Amino acid sequence: MENDSITVINNEENQQLEIRLNGEVAVLTYRFYKKNIAFMHTTVPDALKGRGIASTLARHAFAWAKELKKPVMVYCPFVAKFVKEHPEYRSQLDPTLYGK
């Protein structure tokens, strides 16, 4: 379930995208590596699970990477599964790591 009214915040100090909802914080951590951006880990508190929060974070992360013109490296198991289910994001993966 995708919720367009949810706000994603870029917490640059902690290198993570955040969604704050009902006193809980869901995060997708990232790191910059050479010319790439790496999506490291996604965490969604139990109270927020089943609401499409992780998918919202992933979509926002890919949109942001596109704005930055940075190829994506995926270390997060959730994001890897997300890309498998949403092939439209495969073109943003670093071709030297994932092929074309």
PDB file of N, CA and C in Angstrom:
ATOM      1  N   MET A   1       0.846  -1.181   0.000  1.00  0.00           N
ATOM      2  CA  MET A   1       0.000   0.000   0.000  1.00  0.00           C
ATOM      3  C   MET A   1       0.889   1.241   0.000  1.00  0.00           C
ATOM      4  N   GLU A   2       0.861   1.975  -1.080  1.00  0.00           N
ATOM      5  CA  GLU A   2       1.679   3.177  -1.232  1.00  0.00           C
ATOM      6  C   GLU A   2       0.903   4.383  -0.728  1.00  0.00           C
ATOM      7  N   ASN A   3       1.548   5.217   0.065  1.00  0.00           N
ATOM      8  CA  ASN A   3       0.881   6.394   0.608  1.00  0.00           C
ATOM      9  C   ASN A   3       1.638   7.632   0.157  1.00  0.00           C
ATOM     10  N   ASP A   4       1.047   8.381  -0.777  1.00  0.00           N
ATOM     11  CA  ASP A   4       1.711   9.560  -1.331  1.00  0.00           C
ATOM     12  C   ASP A   4       1.784  10.722  -0.353  1.00  0.00           C
ATOM     13  N   SER A   5       1.011  10.678   0.739  1.00  0.00           N
ATOM     14  CA  SER A   5       1.020  11.778   1.698  1.00  0.00           C
ATOM     15  C   SER A   5       2.132  11.642   2.735  1.00  0.00           C
ATOM     16  N   ILE A   6       2.868  10.549   2.693  1.00  0.00           N
ATOM     17  CA  ILE A   6       3.972  10.332   3.633  1.00  0.00           C
ATOM     18  C   ILE A   6       5.168  11.173   3.198  1.00  0.00           C
ATOM     19  N   THR A   7       5.810  11.831   4.146  1.00  0.00           N
ATOM     20  CA  THR A   7       6.980  12.659   3.866  1.00  0.00           C
ATOM     21  C   THR A   7       8.255  11.890   4.177  1.00  0.00           C
ATOM     22  N   VAL A   8       9.168  11.887   3.215  1.00  0.00           N
ATOM     23  CA  VAL A   8      10.480  11.267   3.401  1.00  0.00           C
ATOM     24  C   VAL A   8      11.483  12.384   3.640  1.00  0.00           C
ATOM     25  N   ILE A   9      12.252  12.245   4.710  1.00  0.00           N
ATOM     26  CA  ILE A   9      13.256  13.240   5.101  1.00  0.00           C
ATOM     27  C   ILE A   9      14.641  12.657   4.856  1.00  0.00           C
ATOM     28  N   ASN A  10      15.527  13.468   4.285  1.00  0.00           N
ATOM     29  CA  ASN A  10      16.912  13.045   4.118  1.00  0.00           C
ATOM     30  C   ASN A  10      17.708  13.543   5.322  1.00  0.00           C
ATOM     31  N   ASN A  11      18.067  12.634   6.204  1.00  0.00           N
ATOM     32  CA  ASN A  11      18.899  12.955   7.361  1.00  0.00           C
ATOM     33  C   ASN A  11      20.352  12.769   6.916  1.00  0.00           C
ATOM     34  N   GLU A  12      20.930  13.837   6.362  1.00  0.00           N
ATOM     35  CA  GLU A  12      22.272  13.755   5.783  1.00  0.00           C
ATOM     36  C   GLU A  12      23.337  13.435   6.824  1.00  0.00           C
ATOM     37  N   GLU A  13      23.160  13.929   8.036  1.00  0.00           N
ATOM     38  CA  GLU A  13      24.143  13.678   9.097  1.00  0.00           C
ATOM     39  C   GLU A  13      24.291  12.181   9.377  1.00  0.00           C
ATOM     40  N   ASN A  14      23.175  11.475   9.407  1.00  0.00           N
ATOM     41  CA  ASN A  14      23.200  10.030   9.662  1.00  0.00           C
ATOM     42  C   ASN A  14      23.162   9.205   8.383  1.00  0.00           C
ATOM     43  N   GLN A  15      23.188   9.868   7.243  1.00  0.00           N
ATOM     44  CA  GLN A  15      23.128   9.226   5.932  1.00  0.00           C
ATOM     45  C   GLN A  15      21.985   8.218   5.862  1.00  0.00           C
ATOM     46  N   GLN A  16      20.782   8.736   6.078  1.00  0.00           N
ATOM     47  CA  GLN A  16      19.613   7.872   5.976  1.00  0.00           C
ATOM     48  C   GLN A  16      18.390   8.679   5.572  1.00  0.00           C
ATOM     49  N   LEU A  17      17.536   8.030   4.806  1.00  0.00           N
ATOM     50  CA  LEU A  17      16.229   8.570   4.488  1.00  0.00           C
ATOM     51  C   LEU A  17      15.291   8.092   5.577  1.00  0.00           C
ATOM     52  N   GLU A  18      14.402   8.970   6.027  1.00  0.00           N
ATOM     53  CA  GLU A  18      13.544   8.645   7.167  1.00  0.00           C
ATOM     54  C   GLU A  18      12.084   8.957   6.874  1.00  0.00           C
ATOM     55  N   ILE A  19      11.223   8.139   7.438  1.00  0.00           N
ATOM     56  CA  ILE A  19       9.793   8.418   7.513  1.00  0.00           C
ATOM     57  C   ILE A  19       9.440   8.358   8.986  1.00  0.00           C
ATOM     58  N   ARG A  20       8.913   9.463   9.498  1.00  0.00           N
ATOM     59  CA  ARG A  20       8.492   9.536  10.910  1.00  0.00           C
ATOM     60  C   ARG A  20       6.972   9.526  10.938  1.00  0.00           C
ATOM     61  N   LEU A  21       6.430   8.559  11.666  1.00  0.00           N
ATOM     62  CA  LEU A  21       4.988   8.383  11.699  1.00  0.00           C
ATOM     63  C   LEU A  21       4.574   7.790  13.030  1.00  0.00           C
ATOM     64  N   ASN A  22       3.630   8.421  13.687  1.00  0.00           N
ATOM     65  CA  ASN A  22       3.096   7.914  14.959  1.00  0.00           C
ATOM     66  C   ASN A  22       4.195   7.636  15.991  1.00  0.00           C
ATOM     67  N   GLY A  23       5.190   8.503  16.060  1.00  0.00           N
ATOM     68  CA  GLY A  23       6.269   8.348  17.029  1.00  0.00           C
ATOM     69  C   GLY A  23       7.301   7.299  16.664  1.00  0.00           C
ATOM     70  N   GLU A  24       7.184   6.704  15.492  1.00  0.00           N
ATOM     71  CA  GLU A  24       8.122   5.674  15.021  1.00  0.00           C
ATOM     72  C   GLU A  24       8.944   6.246  13.867  1.00  0.00           C
ATOM     73  N   VAL A  25      10.124   5.658  13.628  1.00  0.00           N
ATOM     74  CA  VAL A  25      10.983   6.102  12.532  1.00  0.00           C
ATOM     75  C   VAL A  25      11.400   4.895  11.702  1.00  0.00           C
ATOM     76  N   ALA A  26      11.091   4.942  10.412  1.00  0.00           N
ATOM     77  CA  ALA A  26      11.553   3.937   9.450  1.00  0.00           C
ATOM     78  C   ALA A  26      12.714   4.561   8.686  1.00  0.00           C
ATOM     79  N   VAL A  27      13.745   3.776   8.381  1.00  0.00           N
ATOM     80  CA  VAL A  27      14.930   4.343   7.725  1.00  0.00           C
ATOM     81  C   VAL A  27      15.447   3.447   6.600  1.00  0.00           C
ATOM     82  N   LEU A  28      16.043   4.101   5.624  1.00  0.00           N
ATOM     83  CA  LEU A  28      16.845   3.435   4.600  1.00  0.00           C
ATOM     84  C   LEU A  28      18.203   4.116   4.659  1.00  0.00           C
ATOM     85  N   THR A  29      19.217   3.379   5.068  1.00  0.00           N
ATOM     86  CA  THR A  29      20.551   3.975   5.185  1.00  0.00           C
ATOM     87  C   THR A  29      21.269   3.900   3.841  1.00  0.00           C
ATOM     88  N   TYR A  30      22.100   4.899   3.591  1.00  0.00           N
ATOM     89  CA  TYR A  30      22.863   4.962   2.350  1.00  0.00           C
ATOM     90  C   TYR A  30      24.279   5.419   2.647  1.00  0.00           C
ATOM     91  N   ARG A  31      25.150   5.163   1.709  1.00  0.00           N
ATOM     92  CA  ARG A  31      26.527   5.647   1.772  1.00  0.00           C
ATOM     93  C   ARG A  31      26.938   6.058   0.363  1.00  0.00           C
ATOM     94  N   PHE A  32      27.770   7.076   0.275  1.00  0.00           N
ATOM     95  CA  PHE A  32      28.353   7.445  -1.009  1.00  0.00           C
ATOM     96  C   PHE A  32      29.669   6.697  -1.152  1.00  0.00           C
ATOM     97  N   TYR A  33      29.880   6.113  -2.325  1.00  0.00           N
ATOM     98  CA  TYR A  33      31.107   5.369  -2.580  1.00  0.00           C
ATOM     99  C   TYR A  33      31.566   5.696  -3.990  1.00  0.00           C
ATOM    100  N   LYS A  34      32.702   6.366  -4.085  1.00  0.00           N
ATOM    101  CA  LYS A  34      33.237   6.822  -5.368  1.00  0.00           C
ATOM    102  C   LYS A  34      32.140   7.554  -6.123  1.00  0.00           C
ATOM    103  N   LYS A  35      31.767   7.077  -7.304  1.00  0.00           N
ATOM    104  CA  LYS A  35      30.742   7.768  -8.101  1.00  0.00           C
ATOM    105  C   LYS A  35      29.331   7.266  -7.806  1.00  0.00           C
ATOM    106  N   ASN A  36      29.194   6.308  -6.911  1.00  0.00           N
ATOM    107  CA  ASN A  36      27.912   5.646  -6.654  1.00  0.00           C
ATOM    108  C   ASN A  36      27.272   6.067  -5.342  1.00  0.00           C
ATOM    109  N   ILE A  37      26.010   5.667  -5.217  1.00  0.00           N
ATOM    110  CA  ILE A  37      25.329   5.704  -3.932  1.00  0.00           C
ATOM    111  C   ILE A  37      24.941   4.259  -3.618  1.00  0.00           C
ATOM    112  N   ALA A  38      25.203   3.847  -2.400  1.00  0.00           N
ATOM    113  CA  ALA A  38      24.908   2.477  -1.969  1.00  0.00           C
ATOM    114  C   ALA A  38      23.747   2.500  -0.987  1.00  0.00           C
ATOM    115  N   PHE A  39      22.746   1.678  -1.254  1.00  0.00           N
ATOM    116  CA  PHE A  39      21.623   1.516  -0.331  1.00  0.00           C
ATOM    117  C   PHE A  39      21.962   0.340   0.573  1.00  0.00           C
ATOM    118  N   MET A  40      22.170   0.637   1.847  1.00  0.00           N
ATOM    119  CA  MET A  40      22.754  -0.324   2.775  1.00  0.00           C
ATOM    120  C   MET A  40      21.736  -1.191   3.517  1.00  0.00           C
ATOM    121  N   HIS A  41      20.727  -0.557   4.103  1.00  0.00           N
ATOM    122  CA  HIS A  41      19.815  -1.310   4.963  1.00  0.00           C
ATOM    123  C   HIS A  41      18.510  -0.536   5.126  1.00  0.00           C
ATOM    124  N   THR A  42      17.420  -1.266   5.205  1.00  0.00           N
ATOM    125  CA  THR A  42      16.112  -0.668   5.453  1.00  0.00           C
ATOM    126  C   THR A  42      15.549  -1.256   6.738  1.00  0.00           C
ATOM    127  N   THR A  43      15.055  -0.390   7.608  1.00  0.00           N
ATOM    128  CA  THR A  43      14.444  -0.828   8.863  1.00  0.00           C
ATOM    129  C   THR A  43      13.085  -0.153   9.016  1.00  0.00           C
ATOM    130  N   VAL A  44      12.064  -0.969   9.246  1.00  0.00           N
ATOM    131  CA  VAL A  44      10.718  -0.456   9.496  1.00  0.00           C
ATOM    132  C   VAL A  44      10.242  -1.048  10.817  1.00  0.00           C
ATOM    133  N   PRO A  45       9.888  -0.198  11.788  1.00  0.00           N
ATOM    134  CA  PRO A  45       9.382  -0.713  13.066  1.00  0.00           C
ATOM    135  C   PRO A  45       8.122  -1.562  12.859  1.00  0.00           C
ATOM    136  N   ASP A  46       7.931  -2.534  13.720  1.00  0.00           N
ATOM    137  CA  ASP A  46       6.771  -3.427  13.624  1.00  0.00           C
ATOM    138  C   ASP A  46       5.459  -2.659  13.513  1.00  0.00           C
ATOM    139  N   ALA A  47       5.347  -1.563  14.249  1.00  0.00           N
ATOM    140  CA  ALA A  47       4.101  -0.783  14.257  1.00  0.00           C
ATOM    141  C   ALA A  47       3.777  -0.175  12.892  1.00  0.00           C
ATOM    142  N   LEU A  48       4.773  -0.065  12.011  1.00  0.00           N
ATOM    143  CA  LEU A  48       4.560   0.542  10.695  1.00  0.00           C
ATOM    144  C   LEU A  48       4.560  -0.478   9.560  1.00  0.00           C
ATOM    145  N   LYS A  49       4.814  -1.732   9.859  1.00  0.00           N
ATOM    146  CA  LYS A  49       4.896  -2.757   8.811  1.00  0.00           C
ATOM    147  C   LYS A  49       3.541  -2.979   8.153  1.00  0.00           C
ATOM    148  N   GLY A  50       3.602  -3.381   6.882  1.00  0.00           N
ATOM    149  CA  GLY A  50       2.392  -3.673   6.132  1.00  0.00           C
ATOM    150  C   GLY A  50       1.698  -2.454   5.551  1.00  0.00           C
ATOM    151  N   ARG A  51       2.374  -1.322   5.576  1.00  0.00           N
ATOM    152  CA  ARG A  51       1.776  -0.072   5.086  1.00  0.00           C
ATOM    153  C   ARG A  51       2.515   0.493   3.878  1.00  0.00           C
ATOM    154  N   GLY A  52       3.459  -0.264   3.328  1.00  0.00           N
ATOM    155  CA  GLY A  52       4.192   0.200   2.159  1.00  0.00           C
ATOM    156  C   GLY A  52       5.289   1.195   2.471  1.00  0.00           C
ATOM    157  N   ILE A  53       5.674   1.277   3.731  1.00  0.00           N
ATOM    158  CA  ILE A  53       6.686   2.256   4.158  1.00  0.00           C
ATOM    159  C   ILE A  53       8.048   1.953   3.524  1.00  0.00           C
ATOM    160  N   ALA A  54       8.471   0.705   3.554  1.00  0.00           N
ATOM    161  CA  ALA A  54       9.776   0.344   2.983  1.00  0.00           C
ATOM    162  C   ALA A  54       9.797   0.611   1.481  1.00  0.00           C
ATOM    163  N   SER A  55       8.705   0.304   0.796  1.00  0.00           N
ATOM    164  CA  SER A  55       8.626   0.575  -0.643  1.00  0.00           C
ATOM    165  C   SER A  55       8.668   2.073  -0.925  1.00  0.00           C
ATOM    166  N   THR A  56       8.016   2.856  -0.087  1.00  0.00           N
ATOM    167  CA  THR A  56       8.063   4.311  -0.238  1.00  0.00           C
ATOM    168  C   THR A  56       9.493   4.813  -0.085  1.00  0.00           C
ATOM    169  N   LEU A  57      10.207   4.295   0.904  1.00  0.00           N
ATOM    170  CA  LEU A  57      11.614   4.671   1.089  1.00  0.00           C
ATOM    171  C   LEU A  57      12.441   4.282  -0.132  1.00  0.00           C
ATOM    172  N   ALA A  58      12.235   3.085  -0.651  1.00  0.00           N
ATOM    173  CA  ALA A  58      13.000   2.621  -1.813  1.00  0.00           C
ATOM    174  C   ALA A  58      12.715   3.492  -3.037  1.00  0.00           C
ATOM    175  N   ARG A  59      11.452   3.768  -3.300  1.00  0.00           N
ATOM    176  CA  ARG A  59      11.106   4.618  -4.449  1.00  0.00           C
ATOM    177  C   ARG A  59      11.748   6.005  -4.318  1.00  0.00           C
ATOM    178  N   HIS A  60      11.672   6.554  -3.126  1.00  0.00           N
ATOM    179  CA  HIS A  60      12.263   7.872  -2.894  1.00  0.00           C
ATOM    180  C   HIS A  60      13.785   7.812  -3.085  1.00  0.00           C
ATOM    181  N   ALA A  61      14.406   6.760  -2.589  1.00  0.00           N
ATOM    182  CA  ALA A  61      15.860   6.609  -2.717  1.00  0.00           C
ATOM    183  C   ALA A  61      16.276   6.554  -4.184  1.00  0.00           C
ATOM    184  N   PHE A  62      15.547   5.790  -4.989  1.00  0.00           N
ATOM    185  CA  PHE A  62      15.880   5.705  -6.413  1.00  0.00           C
ATOM    186  C   PHE A  62      15.630   7.035  -7.125  1.00  0.00           C
ATOM    187  N   ALA A  63      14.569   7.738  -6.765  1.00  0.00           N
ATOM    188  CA  ALA A  63      14.306   9.050  -7.370  1.00  0.00           C
ATOM    189  C   ALA A  63      15.421  10.031  -7.021  1.00  0.00           C
ATOM    190  N   TRP A  64      15.862   9.981  -5.781  1.00  0.00           N
ATOM    191  CA  TRP A  64      16.941  10.863  -5.334  1.00  0.00           C
ATOM    192  C   TRP A  64      18.249  10.532  -6.046  1.00  0.00           C
ATOM    193  N   ALA A  65      18.564   9.242  -6.167  1.00  0.00           N
ATOM    194  CA  ALA A  65      19.780   8.823  -6.875  1.00  0.00           C
ATOM    195  C   ALA A  65      19.748   9.308  -8.323  1.00  0.00           C
ATOM    196  N   LYS A  66      18.574   9.263  -8.931  1.00  0.00           N
ATOM    197  CA  LYS A  66      18.429   9.730 -10.314  1.00  0.00           C
ATOM    198  C   LYS A  66      18.693  11.231 -10.397  1.00  0.00           C
ATOM    199  N   GLU A  67      18.155  11.997  -9.444  1.00  0.00           N
ATOM    200  CA  GLU A  67      18.412  13.445  -9.393  1.00  0.00           C
ATOM    201  C   GLU A  67      19.903  13.732  -9.279  1.00  0.00           C
ATOM    202  N   LEU A  68      20.585  12.941  -8.462  1.00  0.00           N
ATOM    203  CA  LEU A  68      22.022  13.120  -8.244  1.00  0.00           C
ATOM    204  C   LEU A  68      22.867  12.578  -9.393  1.00  0.00           C
ATOM    205  N   LYS A  69      22.222  11.856 -10.315  1.00  0.00           N
ATOM    206  CA  LYS A  69      22.922  11.194 -11.427  1.00  0.00           C
ATOM    207  C   LYS A  69      23.976  10.213 -10.902  1.00  0.00           C
ATOM    208  N   LYS A  70      23.589   9.460  -9.866  1.00  0.00           N
ATOM    209  CA  LYS A  70      24.490   8.485  -9.244  1.00  0.00           C
ATOM    210  C   LYS A  70      23.991   7.073  -9.527  1.00  0.00           C
ATOM    211  N   PRO A  71      24.857   6.205 -10.046  1.00  0.00           N
ATOM    212  CA  PRO A  71      24.491   4.795 -10.160  1.00  0.00           C
ATOM    213  C   PRO A  71      24.311   4.206  -8.759  1.00  0.00           C
ATOM    214  N   VAL A  72      23.452   3.208  -8.670  1.00  0.00           N
ATOM    215  CA  VAL A  72      23.091   2.621  -7.379  1.00  0.00           C
ATOM    216  C   VAL A  72      23.772   1.270  -7.178  1.00  0.00           C
ATOM    217  N   MET A  73      24.268   1.082  -5.967  1.00  0.00           N
ATOM    218  CA  MET A  73      24.759  -0.213  -5.494  1.00  0.00           C
ATOM    219  C   MET A  73      23.780  -0.671  -4.413  1.00  0.00           C
ATOM    220  N   VAL A  74      23.393  -1.944  -4.446  1.00  0.00           N
ATOM    221  CA  VAL A  74      22.396  -2.446  -3.498  1.00  0.00           C
ATOM    222  C   VAL A  74      23.025  -3.476  -2.566  1.00  0.00           C
ATOM    223  N   TYR A  75      23.004  -3.172  -1.280  1.00  0.00           N
ATOM    224  CA  TYR A  75      23.444  -4.111  -0.244  1.00  0.00           C
ATOM    225  C   TYR A  75      22.273  -4.551   0.632  1.00  0.00           C
ATOM    226  N   CYS A  76      21.203  -3.801   0.587  1.00  0.00           N
ATOM    227  CA  CYS A  76      20.023  -4.069   1.409  1.00  0.00           C
ATOM    228  C   CYS A  76      19.176  -5.179   0.782  1.00  0.00           C
ATOM    229  N   PRO A  77      18.891  -6.249   1.528  1.00  0.00           N
ATOM    230  CA  PRO A  77      18.060  -7.331   0.984  1.00  0.00           C
ATOM    231  C   PRO A  77      16.666  -6.865   0.550  1.00  0.00           C
ATOM    232  N   PHE A  78      16.071  -5.941   1.304  1.00  0.00           N
ATOM    233  CA  PHE A  78      14.748  -5.459   0.897  1.00  0.00           C
ATOM    234  C   PHE A  78      14.826  -4.738  -0.441  1.00  0.00           C
ATOM    235  N   VAL A  79      15.809  -3.858  -0.613  1.00  0.00           N
ATOM    236  CA  VAL A  79      15.927  -3.105  -1.866  1.00  0.00           C
ATOM    237  C   VAL A  79      16.230  -4.053  -3.024  1.00  0.00           C
ATOM    238  N   ALA A  80      17.030  -5.084  -2.790  1.00  0.00           N
ATOM    239  CA  ALA A  80      17.308  -6.078  -3.836  1.00  0.00           C
ATOM    240  C   ALA A  80      16.006  -6.742  -4.291  1.00  0.00           C
ATOM    241  N   LYS A  81      15.173  -7.118  -3.343  1.00  0.00           N
ATOM    242  CA  LYS A  81      13.873  -7.727  -3.656  1.00  0.00           C
ATOM    243  C   LYS A  81      12.974  -6.717  -4.369  1.00  0.00           C
ATOM    244  N   PHE A  82      13.000  -5.477  -3.915  1.00  0.00           N
ATOM    245  CA  PHE A  82      12.204  -4.409  -4.515  1.00  0.00           C
ATOM    246  C   PHE A  82      12.563  -4.239  -5.992  1.00  0.00           C
ATOM    247  N   VAL A  83      13.855  -4.222  -6.307  1.00  0.00           N
ATOM    248  CA  VAL A  83      14.301  -4.055  -7.695  1.00  0.00           C
ATOM    249  C   VAL A  83      13.870  -5.256  -8.537  1.00  0.00           C
ATOM    250  N   LYS A  84      13.930  -6.437  -7.952  1.00  0.00           N
ATOM    251  CA  LYS A  84      13.489  -7.639  -8.666  1.00  0.00           C
ATOM    252  C   LYS A  84      12.000  -7.540  -9.024  1.00  0.00           C
ATOM    253  N   GLU A  85      11.216  -6.984  -8.106  1.00  0.00           N
ATOM    254  CA  GLU A  85       9.772  -6.846  -8.319  1.00  0.00           C
ATOM    255  C   GLU A  85       9.401  -5.617  -9.151  1.00  0.00           C
ATOM    256  N   HIS A  86      10.325  -4.662  -9.257  1.00  0.00           N
ATOM    257  CA  HIS A  86      10.079  -3.415  -9.998  1.00  0.00           C
ATOM    258  C   HIS A  86      11.238  -3.189 -10.970  1.00  0.00           C
ATOM    259  N   PRO A  87      11.231  -3.909 -12.089  1.00  0.00           N
ATOM    260  CA  PRO A  87      12.371  -3.861 -13.020  1.00  0.00           C
ATOM    261  C   PRO A  87      12.644  -2.487 -13.616  1.00  0.00           C
ATOM    262  N   GLU A  88      11.705  -1.560 -13.487  1.00  0.00           N
ATOM    263  CA  GLU A  88      11.939  -0.213 -14.016  1.00  0.00           C
ATOM    264  C   GLU A  88      13.107   0.488 -13.321  1.00  0.00           C
ATOM    265  N   TYR A  89      13.539  -0.011 -12.182  1.00  0.00           N
ATOM    266  CA  TYR A  89      14.661   0.595 -11.456  1.00  0.00           C
ATOM    267  C   TYR A  89      16.009  -0.043 -11.807  1.00  0.00           C
ATOM    268  N   ARG A  90      15.994  -1.150 -12.531  1.00  0.00           N
ATOM    269  CA  ARG A  90      17.251  -1.849 -12.859  1.00  0.00           C
ATOM    270  C   ARG A  90      18.227  -0.977 -13.639  1.00  0.00           C
ATOM    271  N   SER A  91      17.702  -0.083 -14.467  1.00  0.00           N
ATOM    272  CA  SER A  91      18.582   0.768 -15.280  1.00  0.00           C
ATOM    273  C   SER A  91      19.419   1.712 -14.425  1.00  0.00           C
ATOM    274  N   GLN A  92      19.036   1.902 -13.168  1.00  0.00           N
ATOM    275  CA  GLN A  92      19.795   2.784 -12.280  1.00  0.00           C
ATOM    276  C   GLN A  92      20.919   2.061 -11.541  1.00  0.00           C
ATOM    277  N   LEU A  93      20.942   0.738 -11.625  1.00  0.00           N
ATOM    278  CA  LEU A  93      21.999  -0.014 -10.948  1.00  0.00           C
ATOM    279  C   LEU A  93      23.315   0.186 -11.679  1.00  0.00           C
ATOM    280  N   ASP A  94      24.412   0.188 -10.945  1.00  0.00           N
ATOM    281  CA  ASP A  94      25.736   0.357 -11.537  1.00  0.00           C
ATOM    282  C   ASP A  94      25.995  -0.795 -12.505  1.00  0.00           C
ATOM    283  N   PRO A  95      26.123  -0.509 -13.819  1.00  0.00           N
ATOM    284  CA  PRO A  95      26.300  -1.583 -14.798  1.00  0.00           C
ATOM    285  C   PRO A  95      27.616  -2.337 -14.646  1.00  0.00           C
ATOM    286  N   THR A  96      28.607  -1.720 -14.018  1.00  0.00           N
ATOM    287  CA  THR A  96      29.873  -2.441 -13.827  1.00  0.00           C
ATOM    288  C   THR A  96      29.735  -3.531 -12.775  1.00  0.00           C
ATOM    289  N   LEU A  97      28.710  -3.424 -11.934  1.00  0.00           N
ATOM    290  CA  LEU A  97      28.471  -4.431 -10.897  1.00  0.00           C
ATOM    291  C   LEU A  97      27.355  -5.395 -11.258  1.00  0.00           C
ATOM    292  N   TYR A  98      26.340  -4.891 -11.949  1.00  0.00           N
ATOM    293  CA  TYR A  98      25.130  -5.679 -12.177  1.00  0.00           C
ATOM    294  C   TYR A  98      24.877  -5.998 -13.645  1.00  0.00           C
ATOM    295  N   GLY A  99      25.748  -5.555 -14.543  1.00  0.00           N
ATOM    296  CA  GLY A  99      25.505  -5.763 -15.969  1.00  0.00           C
ATOM    297  C   GLY A  99      24.449  -4.791 -16.469  1.00  0.00           C
ATOM    298  N   LYS A 100      24.097  -4.942 -17.719  1.00  0.00           N
ATOM    299  CA  LYS A 100      23.106  -4.012 -18.302  1.00  0.00           C
ATOM    300  C   LYS A 100      21.766  -4.664 -18.442  1.00  0.00           C
TER     301      LYS A 100
END
